[in-house]
Structure formats: structure tokens, C-alpha cells
Amino acid sequence: MVIKNTQVGKTKGITLIELGNGDVQVAYIQSKEDKYVGVEFVNDKPNPIGTSHNTAGTTTDNSRPEAMMTFTNIASIEIVEEALKKAKIILRNM
């Protein structure tokens, strides 16, 4: 779930994107005009994780996400991918 203006640990006023319950749609987005791609997060009713329930738009013109990550450089995507790979290893060992 995307939760705005919350606290995690001692950090206050952040937007938290909490994944793991199937209640957030995750989709790619693109803006050819502004020359970026990204990922959007949209709150939804709980669904089985990995099911095709995604109704999110593929352009920023027709989507209304609670949060987005946008990229203009492939190297930035690779850094996020590496962080997610490390997080996945840590979660498997918890």
C-alpha cells in the first residue's frame, strides 16, 4: 500500500510504498515527449501477487498513481535493480 506522510523508524513525513500484500498495482510508464520511463504504484484492492489485475496506464497522460519512479538514464535503472537484488537476498535470509 502507498502510505503518504508516515513514519518509518525515526524518519517522519515520508511516502512509504509497502509491497507484499497484493494491494499495489505496479506498472511501467513512459513519456516519449519528456523522454523518460518509469514505474508507477497505484493502491488497489488485495489480489494474489503476480496476477494480471493491472489497470494502470502505460503513459503519464492517462494514469493517476500514488507514487512514481522515473528514469532518464539506464545506469539509474541498473542501480535500483542492484539494490532490489540485495534486498531480495536479505529477505530470503530473514
Protein backbone atom coordinates (compact mmCIF):
# COMPACT_ATOMS: atom_id res chain seq x y z
CA MET A 1 0.00 0.00 0.00
CA VAL A 2 1.21 3.53 -0.70
CA ILE A 3 1.04 5.46 2.56
CA LYS A 4 1.80 9.18 2.45
CA ASN A 5 3.25 11.30 5.25
CA THR A 6 4.06 8.41 7.57
CA GLN A 7 6.95 7.47 9.83
CA VAL A 8 9.37 4.58 9.45
CA GLY A 9 11.76 4.21 12.34
CA LYS A 10 12.84 7.73 13.26
CA THR A 11 12.21 9.15 9.77
CA LYS A 12 8.99 11.18 9.64
CA GLY A 13 6.94 12.59 6.78
CA ILE A 14 7.85 10.06 4.10
CA THR A 15 5.81 8.26 1.46
CA LEU A 16 6.05 4.53 2.11
CA ILE A 17 5.44 2.02 -0.67
CA GLU A 18 4.73 -1.23 1.18
CA LEU A 19 4.71 -4.26 -1.12
CA GLY A 20 3.88 -7.86 -0.26
CA ASN A 21 0.10 -7.98 0.15
CA GLY A 22 -1.03 -7.71 -3.47
CA ASP A 23 -2.74 -4.37 -2.83
CA VAL A 24 -0.50 -2.22 -5.05
CA GLN A 25 -0.53 -2.26 -8.83
CA VAL A 26 2.97 -1.91 -10.27
CA ALA A 27 3.30 -0.96 -13.94
CA TYR A 28 5.83 0.62 -16.25
CA ILE A 29 5.14 4.05 -17.68
CA GLN A 30 6.69 6.04 -20.47
CA SER A 31 6.71 9.58 -21.72
CA LYS A 32 8.17 9.81 -25.20
CA GLU A 33 7.61 13.56 -25.17
CA ASP A 34 9.58 14.09 -21.96
CA LYS A 35 11.95 11.20 -22.76
CA TYR A 36 11.67 9.12 -19.61
CA VAL A 37 10.40 5.74 -18.48
CA GLY A 38 9.42 4.67 -15.05
CA VAL A 39 7.39 2.60 -12.67
CA GLU A 40 4.12 3.66 -11.11
CA PHE A 41 2.48 2.42 -7.91
CA VAL A 42 -1.32 2.52 -7.56
CA ASN A 43 -3.27 1.41 -4.48
CA ASP A 44 -5.75 -1.37 -5.26
CA LYS A 45 -7.86 -3.97 -3.50
CA PRO A 46 -5.85 -7.03 -2.41
CA ASN A 47 -5.18 -9.53 -5.22
CA PRO A 48 -2.90 -12.54 -5.49
CA ILE A 49 0.62 -11.25 -6.12
CA GLY A 50 1.63 -11.62 -9.74
CA THR A 51 -1.87 -11.82 -11.16
CA SER A 52 -2.74 -9.67 -14.11
CA HIS A 53 -5.05 -7.21 -12.39
CA ASN A 54 -3.16 -4.19 -13.60
CA THR A 55 -5.32 -1.38 -14.96
CA ALA A 56 -2.61 1.24 -14.63
CA GLY A 57 -1.80 3.32 -17.69
CA THR A 58 1.34 3.00 -19.74
CA THR A 59 1.71 6.72 -20.29
CA THR A 60 1.73 9.51 -17.76
CA ASP A 61 -1.19 11.13 -19.60
CA ASN A 62 -3.73 8.51 -18.51
CA SER A 63 -2.51 7.34 -15.11
CA ARG A 64 -3.05 8.67 -11.61
CA PRO A 65 -0.52 6.86 -9.42
CA GLU A 66 0.08 7.50 -5.73
CA ALA A 67 3.85 7.29 -6.39
CA MET A 68 6.22 7.03 -9.35
CA MET A 69 9.88 6.37 -10.06
CA THR A 70 11.11 7.88 -13.31
CA PHE A 71 14.36 7.30 -15.17
CA THR A 72 16.18 9.18 -17.90
CA ASN A 73 19.35 7.09 -17.74
CA ILE A 74 19.75 3.31 -17.96
CA ALA A 75 22.51 3.41 -15.32
CA SER A 76 19.95 4.67 -12.80
CA ILE A 77 17.70 1.67 -13.51
CA GLU A 78 20.67 -0.65 -13.02
CA ILE A 79 21.41 0.86 -9.60
CA VAL A 80 17.81 0.30 -8.49
CA GLU A 81 17.93 -3.26 -9.85
CA GLU A 82 21.08 -3.98 -7.83
CA ALA A 83 19.52 -2.59 -4.64
CA LEU A 84 16.42 -4.76 -5.18
CA LYS A 85 18.60 -7.85 -5.77
CA LYS A 86 20.38 -7.22 -2.47
CA ALA A 87 17.06 -6.64 -0.67
CA LYS A 88 15.75 -9.93 -2.11
CA ILE A 89 18.74 -11.86 -0.74
CA ILE A 90 18.32 -10.28 2.70
CA LEU A 91 14.56 -11.02 2.75
CA ARG A 92 15.19 -14.68 1.82
CA ASN A 93 17.53 -14.98 4.82
CA MET A 94 15.21 -13.36 7.37
